[in-house]
């Protein structure tokens, strides 16, 4: 018996076939698989390509799949769940048990190993999701970069640019953010940034990576950058707390997984959020993920008890990293 796990977002999608003990035997990648930002033909092509890659790697074991979980960005919006259910059912072996969710569930389970909790995701965009012991899912934030997505890489980038232009105009304090951003964009003066931001690329994709610059300047002790990250942590905490109130937990302390590119400097954010929690509620345990999100998708399919989930993810991590590093299937 084998399990298929799929983790798909607005940029890339990864899928694995593994044994129930966690040995990865096939891995496939493709581009984005968000049915909200693609037409039906594009979405169908992306998912079909992904499944066909896996089938070509392991034709025999593919037909022995008994469980599949697909966590895809946008899948729970509009009529996308029905579309995805129909598409995957047509591609999977008959009788394979299929479950679907937003990709945030993958990220959550990659940290809690299939247990209830809250996940704060922050990459280009941001969203907060929770799942309680009954399986009920709630969300807060993440309503789009134009008017929401506070705490995202894009939001941090916007705050960074505001600080730079305020310093340039003498409307704000001096900050090393200016030199760091000029070096990042490889320009000589602040006004030259405008041409880059309003150039050919999407402003969101150009601005979001500046979050890394802000975090690095925070580590270097810049007061302005540190203020930006403090403000963002307050936003995270507010969203996490709102998600908790929408989906209350019986446990005295709740696991909160921090996932996404913004949290690469994990200890920085855990420290700041822990200070806020001590001040306000003292009920959250902040942590990073123990696996890639696709590992969380596998756990979502299997629904293992805690100890078995730990054993599974240890084997899964070892074999998937071997697979990714070597670019070929791990030995069986």
C-alpha atoms as a PDB file:
ATOM      1  CA  UNK A   1       0.000   0.000   0.000  1.00  0.00           C
ATOM      2  CA  UNK A   2       1.233   3.448  -0.925  1.00  0.00           C
ATOM      3  CA  UNK A   3       0.257   7.048  -0.271  1.00  0.00           C
ATOM      4  CA  UNK A   4       0.301   9.994  -2.690  1.00  0.00           C
ATOM      5  CA  UNK A   5       0.925  13.458  -1.210  1.00  0.00           C
ATOM      6  CA  UNK A   6       0.520  16.695  -3.184  1.00  0.00           C
ATOM      7  CA  UNK A   7       1.476  20.205  -2.080  1.00  0.00           C
ATOM      8  CA  UNK A   8       0.586  22.920  -4.565  1.00  0.00           C
ATOM      9  CA  UNK A   9       0.685  26.697  -4.505  1.00  0.00           C
ATOM     10  CA  UNK A  10       0.840  29.764  -6.660  1.00  0.00           C
ATOM     11  CA  UNK A  11       4.438  29.134  -7.739  1.00  0.00           C
ATOM     12  CA  UNK A  12       5.282  25.444  -7.621  1.00  0.00           C
ATOM     13  CA  UNK A  13       3.820  22.025  -6.910  1.00  0.00           C
ATOM     14  CA  UNK A  14       5.512  18.912  -5.524  1.00  0.00           C
ATOM     15  CA  UNK A  15       4.146  15.393  -5.103  1.00  0.00           C
ATOM     16  CA  UNK A  16       5.499  12.151  -3.700  1.00  0.00           C
ATOM     17  CA  UNK A  17       4.576   8.509  -3.538  1.00  0.00           C
ATOM     18  CA  UNK A  18       5.708   6.842  -0.340  1.00  0.00           C
ATOM     19  CA  UNK A  19       5.162   3.677   1.625  1.00  0.00           C
ATOM     20  CA  UNK A  20       3.042   3.779   4.778  1.00  0.00           C
ATOM     21  CA  UNK A  21       6.321   3.648   6.736  1.00  0.00           C
ATOM     22  CA  UNK A  22       7.617   6.841   5.090  1.00  0.00           C
ATOM     23  CA  UNK A  23       9.956   5.619   2.346  1.00  0.00           C
ATOM     24  CA  UNK A  24       9.642   7.965  -0.646  1.00  0.00           C
ATOM     25  CA  UNK A  25       9.788   6.045  -3.916  1.00  0.00           C
ATOM     26  CA  UNK A  26       8.775   8.724  -6.433  1.00  0.00           C
ATOM     27  CA  UNK A  27       8.848  12.510  -6.569  1.00  0.00           C
ATOM     28  CA  UNK A  28       7.508  14.909  -9.177  1.00  0.00           C
ATOM     29  CA  UNK A  29       7.457  18.682  -9.580  1.00  0.00           C
ATOM     30  CA  UNK A  30       5.601  21.129 -11.763  1.00  0.00           C
ATOM     31  CA  UNK A  31       4.668  24.812 -11.763  1.00  0.00           C
ATOM     32  CA  UNK A  32       1.756  26.467  -9.992  1.00  0.00           C
ATOM     33  CA  UNK A  33      -1.482  24.591  -9.359  1.00  0.00           C
ATOM     34  CA  UNK A  34      -3.803  27.236  -7.946  1.00  0.00           C
ATOM     35  CA  UNK A  35      -7.185  26.807  -9.670  1.00  0.00           C
ATOM     36  CA  UNK A  36      -8.155  30.348  -8.666  1.00  0.00           C
ATOM     37  CA  UNK A  37      -5.358  31.945 -10.695  1.00  0.00           C
ATOM     38  CA  UNK A  38      -5.465  29.519 -13.654  1.00  0.00           C
ATOM     39  CA  UNK A  39      -8.106  28.553 -16.169  1.00  0.00           C
ATOM     40  CA  UNK A  40      -9.470  25.012 -16.098  1.00  0.00           C
ATOM     41  CA  UNK A  41      -7.305  23.879 -19.022  1.00  0.00           C
ATOM     42  CA  UNK A  42      -4.096  25.126 -17.390  1.00  0.00           C
ATOM     43  CA  UNK A  43      -5.008  23.587 -14.031  1.00  0.00           C
ATOM     44  CA  UNK A  44      -5.913  20.260 -15.607  1.00  0.00           C
ATOM     45  CA  UNK A  45      -2.659  20.219 -17.546  1.00  0.00           C
ATOM     46  CA  UNK A  46      -0.565  20.955 -14.443  1.00  0.00           C
ATOM     47  CA  UNK A  47      -2.160  18.242 -12.308  1.00  0.00           C
ATOM     48  CA  UNK A  48      -2.164  15.701 -15.135  1.00  0.00           C
ATOM     49  CA  UNK A  49       1.520  16.364 -15.831  1.00  0.00           C
ATOM     50  CA  UNK A  50       2.317  15.884 -12.146  1.00  0.00           C
ATOM     51  CA  UNK A  51       0.463  12.579 -11.898  1.00  0.00           C
ATOM     52  CA  UNK A  52       1.933  11.287 -15.156  1.00  0.00           C
ATOM     53  CA  UNK A  53       5.459  12.009 -13.897  1.00  0.00           C
ATOM     54  CA  UNK A  54       4.821   9.845 -10.844  1.00  0.00           C
ATOM     55  CA  UNK A  55       3.172   7.113 -12.892  1.00  0.00           C
ATOM     56  CA  UNK A  56       6.137   6.953 -15.272  1.00  0.00           C
ATOM     57  CA  UNK A  57       8.581   6.616 -12.360  1.00  0.00           C
ATOM     58  CA  UNK A  58       6.654   3.901 -10.539  1.00  0.00           C
ATOM     59  CA  UNK A  59       4.002   2.380 -12.859  1.00  0.00           C
ATOM     60  CA  UNK A  60       3.443  -0.699 -10.699  1.00  0.00           C
ATOM     61  CA  UNK A  61       3.345   1.039  -7.332  1.00  0.00           C
ATOM     62  CA  UNK A  62       1.203   3.862  -8.704  1.00  0.00           C
ATOM     63  CA  UNK A  63      -1.618   1.391  -9.259  1.00  0.00           C
ATOM     64  CA  UNK A  64      -1.228   0.251  -5.637  1.00  0.00           C
ATOM     65  CA  UNK A  65      -2.038   3.701  -4.225  1.00  0.00           C
ATOM     66  CA  UNK A  66      -4.689   3.494  -1.502  1.00  0.00           C
ATOM     67  CA  UNK A  67      -4.588   7.016  -0.045  1.00  0.00           C
ATOM     68  CA  UNK A  68      -4.033  10.498  -1.453  1.00  0.00           C
ATOM     69  CA  UNK A  69      -4.158  13.964   0.048  1.00  0.00           C
ATOM     70  CA  UNK A  70      -3.892  17.047  -2.136  1.00  0.00           C
ATOM     71  CA  UNK A  71      -3.367  20.352  -0.359  1.00  0.00           C
ATOM     72  CA  UNK A  72      -3.645  23.040  -3.016  1.00  0.00           C
ATOM     73  CA  UNK A  73      -3.809  26.807  -2.799  1.00  0.00           C
ATOM     74  CA  UNK A  74      -7.275  28.048  -3.783  1.00  0.00           C
ATOM     75  CA  UNK A  75      -8.835  24.589  -3.851  1.00  0.00           C
ATOM     76  CA  UNK A  76     -11.501  25.406  -1.258  1.00  0.00           C
ATOM     77  CA  UNK A  77     -12.701  28.565  -3.039  1.00  0.00           C
ATOM     78  CA  UNK A  78     -15.551  28.897  -5.527  1.00  0.00           C
ATOM     79  CA  UNK A  79     -16.285  25.496  -7.117  1.00  0.00           C
ATOM     80  CA  UNK A  80     -12.639  24.446  -7.179  1.00  0.00           C
ATOM     81  CA  UNK A  81     -13.000  21.587  -4.702  1.00  0.00           C
ATOM     82  CA  UNK A  82     -15.493  19.754  -6.915  1.00  0.00           C
ATOM     83  CA  UNK A  83     -13.362  20.371 -10.010  1.00  0.00           C
ATOM     84  CA  UNK A  84     -10.235  19.069  -8.297  1.00  0.00           C
ATOM     85  CA  UNK A  85     -12.031  16.074  -6.825  1.00  0.00           C
ATOM     86  CA  UNK A  86     -13.329  15.067 -10.252  1.00  0.00           C
ATOM     87  CA  UNK A  87      -9.956  15.590 -11.949  1.00  0.00           C
ATOM     88  CA  UNK A  88      -7.879  13.647  -9.421  1.00  0.00           C
ATOM     89  CA  UNK A  89     -10.428  10.839  -9.182  1.00  0.00           C
ATOM     90  CA  UNK A  90     -10.115  10.370 -12.938  1.00  0.00           C
ATOM     91  CA  UNK A  91      -6.313  10.194 -12.688  1.00  0.00           C
ATOM     92  CA  UNK A  92      -5.910   7.994  -9.602  1.00  0.00           C
ATOM     93  CA  UNK A  93      -6.368   4.223  -9.344  1.00  0.00           C
ATOM     94  CA  UNK A  94      -9.906   3.117  -8.641  1.00  0.00           C
ATOM     95  CA  UNK A  95     -10.604   2.879  -4.926  1.00  0.00           C
ATOM     96  CA  UNK A  96      -7.826   5.281  -3.867  1.00  0.00           C
ATOM     97  CA  UNK A  97      -9.133   7.298  -0.901  1.00  0.00           C
ATOM     98  CA  UNK A  98      -8.823  11.016  -1.771  1.00  0.00           C
ATOM     99  CA  UNK A  99      -8.964  14.042   0.547  1.00  0.00           C
ATOM    100  CA  UNK A 100      -8.509  17.715  -0.324  1.00  0.00           C
ATOM    101  CA  UNK A 101      -7.597  20.860   1.581  1.00  0.00           C
ATOM    102  CA  UNK A 102      -6.024  24.261   1.290  1.00  0.00           C
ATOM    103  CA  UNK A 103      -2.215  23.968   1.139  1.00  0.00           C
ATOM    104  CA  UNK A 104      -2.072  25.615   4.566  1.00  0.00           C
ATOM    105  CA  UNK A 105      -3.080  22.295   6.121  1.00  0.00           C
ATOM    106  CA  UNK A 106       0.070  20.719   4.664  1.00  0.00           C
ATOM    107  CA  UNK A 107       2.215  23.385   6.322  1.00  0.00           C
ATOM    108  CA  UNK A 108       0.405  22.947   9.634  1.00  0.00           C
ATOM    109  CA  UNK A 109       0.784  19.170   9.702  1.00  0.00           C
ATOM    110  CA  UNK A 110       4.439  19.484   8.680  1.00  0.00           C
ATOM    111  CA  UNK A 111       4.907  21.114  12.085  1.00  0.00           C
ATOM    112  CA  UNK A 112       2.333  19.437  14.339  1.00  0.00           C
ATOM    113  CA  UNK A 113       2.724  16.024  12.661  1.00  0.00           C
ATOM    114  CA  UNK A 114      -0.988  15.679  12.055  1.00  0.00           C
ATOM    115  CA  UNK A 115      -2.151  17.120  15.364  1.00  0.00           C
ATOM    116  CA  UNK A 116      -4.459  20.147  15.866  1.00  0.00           C
ATOM    117  CA  UNK A 117      -2.931  23.605  15.845  1.00  0.00           C
ATOM    118  CA  UNK A 118      -2.553  26.903  14.042  1.00  0.00           C
ATOM    119  CA  UNK A 119      -0.282  27.735  11.128  1.00  0.00           C
ATOM    120  CA  UNK A 120       0.888  31.234  10.297  1.00  0.00           C
ATOM    121  CA  UNK A 121       2.077  31.283   6.702  1.00  0.00           C
ATOM    122  CA  UNK A 122       4.096  34.197   5.389  1.00  0.00           C
ATOM    123  CA  UNK A 123       5.722  34.170   1.987  1.00  0.00           C
ATOM    124  CA  UNK A 124       4.869  36.520  -0.852  1.00  0.00           C
ATOM    125  CA  UNK A 125       1.393  36.537   0.735  1.00  0.00           C
ATOM    126  CA  UNK A 126       0.188  35.660   4.236  1.00  0.00           C
ATOM    127  CA  UNK A 127      -2.656  33.676   5.787  1.00  0.00           C
ATOM    128  CA  UNK A 128      -3.490  32.080   9.143  1.00  0.00           C
ATOM    129  CA  UNK A 129      -5.228  28.691   9.378  1.00  0.00           C
ATOM    130  CA  UNK A 130      -6.300  26.516  12.284  1.00  0.00           C
ATOM    131  CA  UNK A 131      -7.645  22.999  12.643  1.00  0.00           C
ATOM    132  CA  UNK A 132      -9.137  21.646  15.859  1.00  0.00           C
ATOM    133  CA  UNK A 133      -9.464  18.086  17.157  1.00  0.00           C
ATOM    134  CA  UNK A 134     -12.712  17.593  15.204  1.00  0.00           C
ATOM    135  CA  UNK A 135     -11.035  18.528  11.923  1.00  0.00           C
ATOM    136  CA  UNK A 136     -12.813  21.866  11.562  1.00  0.00           C
ATOM    137  CA  UNK A 137     -10.706  24.403   9.652  1.00  0.00           C
ATOM    138  CA  UNK A 138     -10.875  28.177  10.142  1.00  0.00           C
ATOM    139  CA  UNK A 139      -8.867  30.998   8.549  1.00  0.00           C
ATOM    140  CA  UNK A 140      -8.045  34.639   9.091  1.00  0.00           C
ATOM    141  CA  UNK A 141      -6.304  37.200   6.875  1.00  0.00           C
ATOM    142  CA  UNK A 142      -4.828  36.494   3.453  1.00  0.00           C
ATOM    143  CA  UNK A 143      -7.501  38.313   1.468  1.00  0.00           C
ATOM    144  CA  UNK A 144      -5.183  39.594  -1.241  1.00  0.00           C
ATOM    145  CA  UNK A 145      -2.159  41.863  -1.571  1.00  0.00           C
ATOM    146  CA  UNK A 146      -4.127  44.932  -2.711  1.00  0.00           C
ATOM    147  CA  UNK A 147      -5.824  45.510   0.648  1.00  0.00           C
ATOM    148  CA  UNK A 148      -4.684  42.734   3.016  1.00  0.00           C
ATOM    149  CA  UNK A 149      -1.843  40.166   3.303  1.00  0.00           C
ATOM    150  CA  UNK A 150      -0.419  42.064   6.261  1.00  0.00           C
ATOM    151  CA  UNK A 151       2.754  40.433   7.521  1.00  0.00           C
ATOM    152  CA  UNK A 152       3.589  38.980   4.124  1.00  0.00           C
ATOM    153  CA  UNK A 153       6.893  39.414   2.351  1.00  0.00           C
ATOM    154  CA  UNK A 154       5.158  41.971   0.163  1.00  0.00           C
ATOM    155  CA  UNK A 155       3.878  43.889   3.201  1.00  0.00           C
ATOM    156  CA  UNK A 156       7.324  43.913   4.808  1.00  0.00           C
ATOM    157  CA  UNK A 157       8.778  45.085   1.489  1.00  0.00           C
ATOM    158  CA  UNK A 158       6.266  47.948   1.288  1.00  0.00           C
ATOM    159  CA  UNK A 159       7.086  49.027   4.840  1.00  0.00           C
ATOM    160  CA  UNK A 160      10.775  48.902   3.953  1.00  0.00           C
ATOM    161  CA  UNK A 161      10.326  51.119   0.896  1.00  0.00           C
ATOM    162  CA  UNK A 162       8.236  53.592   2.893  1.00  0.00           C
ATOM    163  CA  UNK A 163      11.020  53.884   5.471  1.00  0.00           C
ATOM    164  CA  UNK A 164      13.613  54.468   2.751  1.00  0.00           C
ATOM    165  CA  UNK A 165      11.660  57.207   1.004  1.00  0.00           C
ATOM    166  CA  UNK A 166      10.819  58.878   4.322  1.00  0.00           C
ATOM    167  CA  UNK A 167      14.519  58.996   5.173  1.00  0.00           C
ATOM    168  CA  UNK A 168      15.314  60.350   1.708  1.00  0.00           C
ATOM    169  CA  UNK A 169      12.721  63.131   2.162  1.00  0.00           C
ATOM    170  CA  UNK A 170      13.896  63.879   5.728  1.00  0.00           C
ATOM    171  CA  UNK A 171      10.460  62.764   6.939  1.00  0.00           C
ATOM    172  CA  UNK A 172      11.835  59.818   8.845  1.00  0.00           C
ATOM    173  CA  UNK A 173      14.890  58.578  10.743  1.00  0.00           C
ATOM    174  CA  UNK A 174      18.128  57.366   9.212  1.00  0.00           C
ATOM    175  CA  UNK A 175      18.272  53.652   8.477  1.00  0.00           C
ATOM    176  CA  UNK A 176      20.731  51.196   6.979  1.00  0.00           C
ATOM    177  CA  UNK A 177      17.780  49.845   4.999  1.00  0.00           C
ATOM    178  CA  UNK A 178      18.532  52.478   2.379  1.00  0.00           C
ATOM    179  CA  UNK A 179      22.031  51.260   1.584  1.00  0.00           C
ATOM    180  CA  UNK A 180      20.950  47.631   1.766  1.00  0.00           C
ATOM    181  CA  UNK A 181      18.067  48.104  -0.686  1.00  0.00           C
ATOM    182  CA  UNK A 182      20.175  50.183  -3.081  1.00  0.00           C
ATOM    183  CA  UNK A 183      22.735  47.376  -3.072  1.00  0.00           C
ATOM    184  CA  UNK A 184      19.994  44.777  -3.600  1.00  0.00           C
ATOM    185  CA  UNK A 185      18.616  46.612  -6.634  1.00  0.00           C
ATOM    186  CA  UNK A 186      22.133  47.587  -7.777  1.00  0.00           C
ATOM    187  CA  UNK A 187      21.274  51.285  -8.154  1.00  0.00           C
ATOM    188  CA  UNK A 188      22.987  54.436  -6.896  1.00  0.00           C
ATOM    189  CA  UNK A 189      20.120  56.584  -5.617  1.00  0.00           C
ATOM    190  CA  UNK A 190      16.726  56.209  -3.982  1.00  0.00           C
ATOM    191  CA  UNK A 191      14.710  57.728  -6.875  1.00  0.00           C
ATOM    192  CA  UNK A 192      16.056  55.013  -9.191  1.00  0.00           C
ATOM    193  CA  UNK A 193      14.055  52.464  -7.183  1.00  0.00           C
ATOM    194  CA  UNK A 194      10.840  53.835  -8.694  1.00  0.00           C
ATOM    195  CA  UNK A 195      11.811  52.718 -12.189  1.00  0.00           C
ATOM    196  CA  UNK A 196      12.478  49.196 -10.950  1.00  0.00           C
ATOM    197  CA  UNK A 197       9.268  48.881  -8.919  1.00  0.00           C
ATOM    198  CA  UNK A 198       7.114  50.183 -11.775  1.00  0.00           C
ATOM    199  CA  UNK A 199       9.032  48.281 -14.459  1.00  0.00           C
ATOM    200  CA  UNK A 200       8.028  45.237 -16.469  1.00  0.00           C
ATOM    201  CA  UNK A 201       7.721  42.780 -13.584  1.00  0.00           C
ATOM    202  CA  UNK A 202       4.768  42.538 -11.207  1.00  0.00           C
ATOM    203  CA  UNK A 203       5.386  44.964  -8.282  1.00  0.00           C
ATOM    204  CA  UNK A 204       4.481  42.241  -5.785  1.00  0.00           C
ATOM    205  CA  UNK A 205       7.225  39.937  -7.071  1.00  0.00           C
ATOM    206  CA  UNK A 206       9.748  42.787  -7.043  1.00  0.00           C
ATOM    207  CA  UNK A 207       8.856  44.111  -3.586  1.00  0.00           C
ATOM    208  CA  UNK A 208       8.296  40.879  -1.603  1.00  0.00           C
ATOM    209  CA  UNK A 209      11.994  39.805  -1.614  1.00  0.00           C
ATOM    210  CA  UNK A 210      12.849  43.033   0.220  1.00  0.00           C
ATOM    211  CA  UNK A 211      11.557  41.283   3.350  1.00  0.00           C
ATOM    212  CA  UNK A 212      14.882  39.441   3.431  1.00  0.00           C
ATOM    213  CA  UNK A 213      16.709  42.769   3.399  1.00  0.00           C
ATOM    214  CA  UNK A 214      14.595  44.060   6.295  1.00  0.00           C
ATOM    215  CA  UNK A 215      15.213  40.917   8.349  1.00  0.00           C
ATOM    216  CA  UNK A 216      18.965  41.075   7.711  1.00  0.00           C
ATOM    217  CA  UNK A 217      19.050  44.742   8.768  1.00  0.00           C
ATOM    218  CA  UNK A 218      17.106  43.813  11.913  1.00  0.00           C
ATOM    219  CA  UNK A 219      19.800  41.272  12.768  1.00  0.00           C
ATOM    220  CA  UNK A 220      22.379  44.022  12.262  1.00  0.00           C
ATOM    221  CA  UNK A 221      20.644  46.140  14.898  1.00  0.00           C
ATOM    222  CA  UNK A 222      18.892  48.752  12.752  1.00  0.00           C
ATOM    223  CA  UNK A 223      16.140  50.421  14.792  1.00  0.00           C
ATOM    224  CA  UNK A 224      13.875  51.161  11.827  1.00  0.00           C
ATOM    225  CA  UNK A 225      14.104  47.613  10.466  1.00  0.00           C
ATOM    226  CA  UNK A 226      13.513  46.187  13.930  1.00  0.00           C
ATOM    227  CA  UNK A 227      10.405  48.353  14.297  1.00  0.00           C
ATOM    228  CA  UNK A 228       9.070  46.968  11.016  1.00  0.00           C
ATOM    229  CA  UNK A 229       9.556  43.362  12.158  1.00  0.00           C
ATOM    230  CA  UNK A 230       8.041  44.165  15.573  1.00  0.00           C
ATOM    231  CA  UNK A 231       4.969  45.636  13.857  1.00  0.00           C
ATOM    232  CA  UNK A 232       4.665  42.565  11.657  1.00  0.00           C
ATOM    233  CA  UNK A 233       4.923  40.238  14.663  1.00  0.00           C
ATOM    234  CA  UNK A 234       2.049  42.124  16.311  1.00  0.00           C
ATOM    235  CA  UNK A 235       0.056  41.538  13.116  1.00  0.00           C
ATOM    236  CA  UNK A 236       0.903  37.828  13.172  1.00  0.00           C
ATOM    237  CA  UNK A 237      -0.083  37.541  16.823  1.00  0.00           C
ATOM    238  CA  UNK A 238      -3.366  39.361  16.226  1.00  0.00           C
ATOM    239  CA  UNK A 239      -4.237  37.053  13.332  1.00  0.00           C
ATOM    240  CA  UNK A 240      -3.227  33.917  15.252  1.00  0.00           C
ATOM    241  CA  UNK A 241      -5.328  34.992  18.217  1.00  0.00           C
ATOM    242  CA  UNK A 242      -8.303  35.770  15.979  1.00  0.00           C
ATOM    243  CA  UNK A 243      -8.009  32.333  14.376  1.00  0.00           C
ATOM    244  CA  UNK A 244      -7.896  30.761  17.834  1.00  0.00           C
ATOM    245  CA  UNK A 245     -11.084  32.573  18.856  1.00  0.00           C
ATOM    246  CA  UNK A 246     -12.861  31.358  15.705  1.00  0.00           C
ATOM    247  CA  UNK A 247     -11.758  27.795  16.386  1.00  0.00           C
ATOM    248  CA  UNK A 248     -11.143  27.399  20.148  1.00  0.00           C
ATOM    249  CA  UNK A 249      -9.023  24.507  21.377  1.00  0.00           C
ATOM    250  CA  UNK A 250      -9.475  22.372  24.478  1.00  0.00           C
ATOM    251  CA  UNK A 251      -5.740  22.031  25.090  1.00  0.00           C
ATOM    252  CA  UNK A 252      -4.177  24.447  27.566  1.00  0.00           C
ATOM    253  CA  UNK A 253      -1.423  25.318  25.089  1.00  0.00           C
ATOM    254  CA  UNK A 254      -1.760  25.396  21.309  1.00  0.00           C
ATOM    255  CA  UNK A 255       0.944  24.617  18.772  1.00  0.00           C
ATOM    256  CA  UNK A 256       1.549  27.423  16.268  1.00  0.00           C
ATOM    257  CA  UNK A 257       3.621  26.556  13.207  1.00  0.00           C
ATOM    258  CA  UNK A 258       5.477  29.358  11.390  1.00  0.00           C
ATOM    259  CA  UNK A 259       5.796  28.490   7.708  1.00  0.00           C
ATOM    260  CA  UNK A 260       6.929  30.276   4.558  1.00  0.00           C
ATOM    261  CA  UNK A 261       9.939  32.142   3.252  1.00  0.00           C
ATOM    262  CA  UNK A 262       9.638  35.070   5.668  1.00  0.00           C
ATOM    263  CA  UNK A 263      10.324  32.710   8.580  1.00  0.00           C
ATOM    264  CA  UNK A 264      13.710  31.457   7.395  1.00  0.00           C
ATOM    265  CA  UNK A 265      15.193  33.342  10.358  1.00  0.00           C
ATOM    266  CA  UNK A 266      12.895  31.299  12.565  1.00  0.00           C
ATOM    267  CA  UNK A 267      14.489  32.047  15.941  1.00  0.00           C
ATOM    268  CA  UNK A 268      14.094  35.807  15.435  1.00  0.00           C
ATOM    269  CA  UNK A 269      10.327  35.497  14.986  1.00  0.00           C
ATOM    270  CA  UNK A 270       9.808  32.866  17.677  1.00  0.00           C
ATOM    271  CA  UNK A 271      11.584  35.080  20.198  1.00  0.00           C
ATOM    272  CA  UNK A 272       9.482  38.142  19.358  1.00  0.00           C
ATOM    273  CA  UNK A 273       6.196  36.212  19.263  1.00  0.00           C
ATOM    274  CA  UNK A 274       6.974  34.460  22.546  1.00  0.00           C
ATOM    275  CA  UNK A 275       7.433  37.866  24.216  1.00  0.00           C
ATOM    276  CA  UNK A 276       4.023  38.962  22.922  1.00  0.00           C
ATOM    277  CA  UNK A 277       2.413  35.718  24.065  1.00  0.00           C
ATOM    278  CA  UNK A 278       3.841  36.110  27.548  1.00  0.00           C
ATOM    279  CA  UNK A 279       2.356  39.600  27.658  1.00  0.00           C
ATOM    280  CA  UNK A 280      -1.114  38.736  26.366  1.00  0.00           C
ATOM    281  CA  UNK A 281      -2.194  35.126  26.856  1.00  0.00           C
ATOM    282  CA  UNK A 282       0.658  32.665  27.421  1.00  0.00           C
ATOM    283  CA  UNK A 283      -1.134  29.935  25.501  1.00  0.00           C
ATOM    284  CA  UNK A 284       0.902  29.367  22.310  1.00  0.00           C
ATOM    285  CA  UNK A 285       3.943  27.238  21.540  1.00  0.00           C
ATOM    286  CA  UNK A 286       5.646  28.620  18.430  1.00  0.00           C
ATOM    287  CA  UNK A 287       7.636  26.259  16.229  1.00  0.00           C
ATOM    288  CA  UNK A 288       8.951  25.639  12.756  1.00  0.00           C
ATOM    289  CA  UNK A 289       8.121  22.709  10.515  1.00  0.00           C
ATOM    290  CA  UNK A 290       9.620  19.242  10.927  1.00  0.00           C
ATOM    291  CA  UNK A 291       9.187  18.446   7.239  1.00  0.00           C
ATOM    292  CA  UNK A 292       8.481  19.938   3.862  1.00  0.00           C
ATOM    293  CA  UNK A 293       4.768  20.751   3.428  1.00  0.00           C
ATOM    294  CA  UNK A 294       4.377  17.749   1.124  1.00  0.00           C
ATOM    295  CA  UNK A 295       5.266  15.591   4.147  1.00  0.00           C
ATOM    296  CA  UNK A 296       2.380  17.241   5.964  1.00  0.00           C
ATOM    297  CA  UNK A 297       0.134  16.244   3.057  1.00  0.00           C
ATOM    298  CA  UNK A 298       1.202  12.613   3.497  1.00  0.00           C
ATOM    299  CA  UNK A 299       0.327  12.796   7.196  1.00  0.00           C
ATOM    300  CA  UNK A 300      -3.047  14.334   6.315  1.00  0.00           C
ATOM    301  CA  UNK A 301      -3.767  11.291   4.162  1.00  0.00           C
ATOM    302  CA  UNK A 302      -2.626   8.720   6.722  1.00  0.00           C
ATOM    303  CA  UNK A 303      -4.008  10.246   9.971  1.00  0.00           C
ATOM    304  CA  UNK A 304      -1.425   8.510  12.162  1.00  0.00           C
ATOM    305  CA  UNK A 305      -1.176   8.637  15.982  1.00  0.00           C
ATOM    306  CA  UNK A 306       1.575  10.938  17.319  1.00  0.00           C
ATOM    307  CA  UNK A 307       4.312   8.349  17.839  1.00  0.00           C
ATOM    308  CA  UNK A 308       3.699   6.668  14.497  1.00  0.00           C
ATOM    309  CA  UNK A 309       3.654  10.078  12.799  1.00  0.00           C
ATOM    310  CA  UNK A 310       7.093  10.859  14.265  1.00  0.00           C
ATOM    311  CA  UNK A 311       8.514   7.582  12.955  1.00  0.00           C
ATOM    312  CA  UNK A 312       6.899   8.149   9.563  1.00  0.00           C
ATOM    313  CA  UNK A 313       8.216  11.698   9.145  1.00  0.00           C
ATOM    314  CA  UNK A 314      11.769  10.724  10.175  1.00  0.00           C
ATOM    315  CA  UNK A 315      11.865   8.113   7.418  1.00  0.00           C
ATOM    316  CA  UNK A 316      10.091  10.429   4.984  1.00  0.00           C
ATOM    317  CA  UNK A 317      12.559  13.276   5.574  1.00  0.00           C
ATOM    318  CA  UNK A 318      15.571  11.028   5.174  1.00  0.00           C
ATOM    319  CA  UNK A 319      14.366   9.523   1.923  1.00  0.00           C
ATOM    320  CA  UNK A 320      12.983  12.691   0.331  1.00  0.00           C
ATOM    321  CA  UNK A 321      16.178  14.628   0.998  1.00  0.00           C
ATOM    322  CA  UNK A 322      18.164  11.790  -0.524  1.00  0.00           C
ATOM    323  CA  UNK A 323      15.818  11.964  -3.483  1.00  0.00           C
ATOM    324  CA  UNK A 324      16.095  15.749  -3.864  1.00  0.00           C
ATOM    325  CA  UNK A 325      19.860  15.796  -3.427  1.00  0.00           C
ATOM    326  CA  UNK A 326      20.580  12.984  -5.839  1.00  0.00           C
ATOM    327  CA  UNK A 327      17.842  13.784  -8.333  1.00  0.00           C
ATOM    328  CA  UNK A 328      16.752  10.160  -8.554  1.00  0.00           C
ATOM    329  CA  UNK A 329      14.561   7.718  -6.694  1.00  0.00           C
ATOM    330  CA  UNK A 330      15.854   6.554  -3.321  1.00  0.00           C
ATOM    331  CA  UNK A 331      16.674   2.902  -2.971  1.00  0.00           C
ATOM    332  CA  UNK A 332      13.715   0.829  -1.895  1.00  0.00           C
END
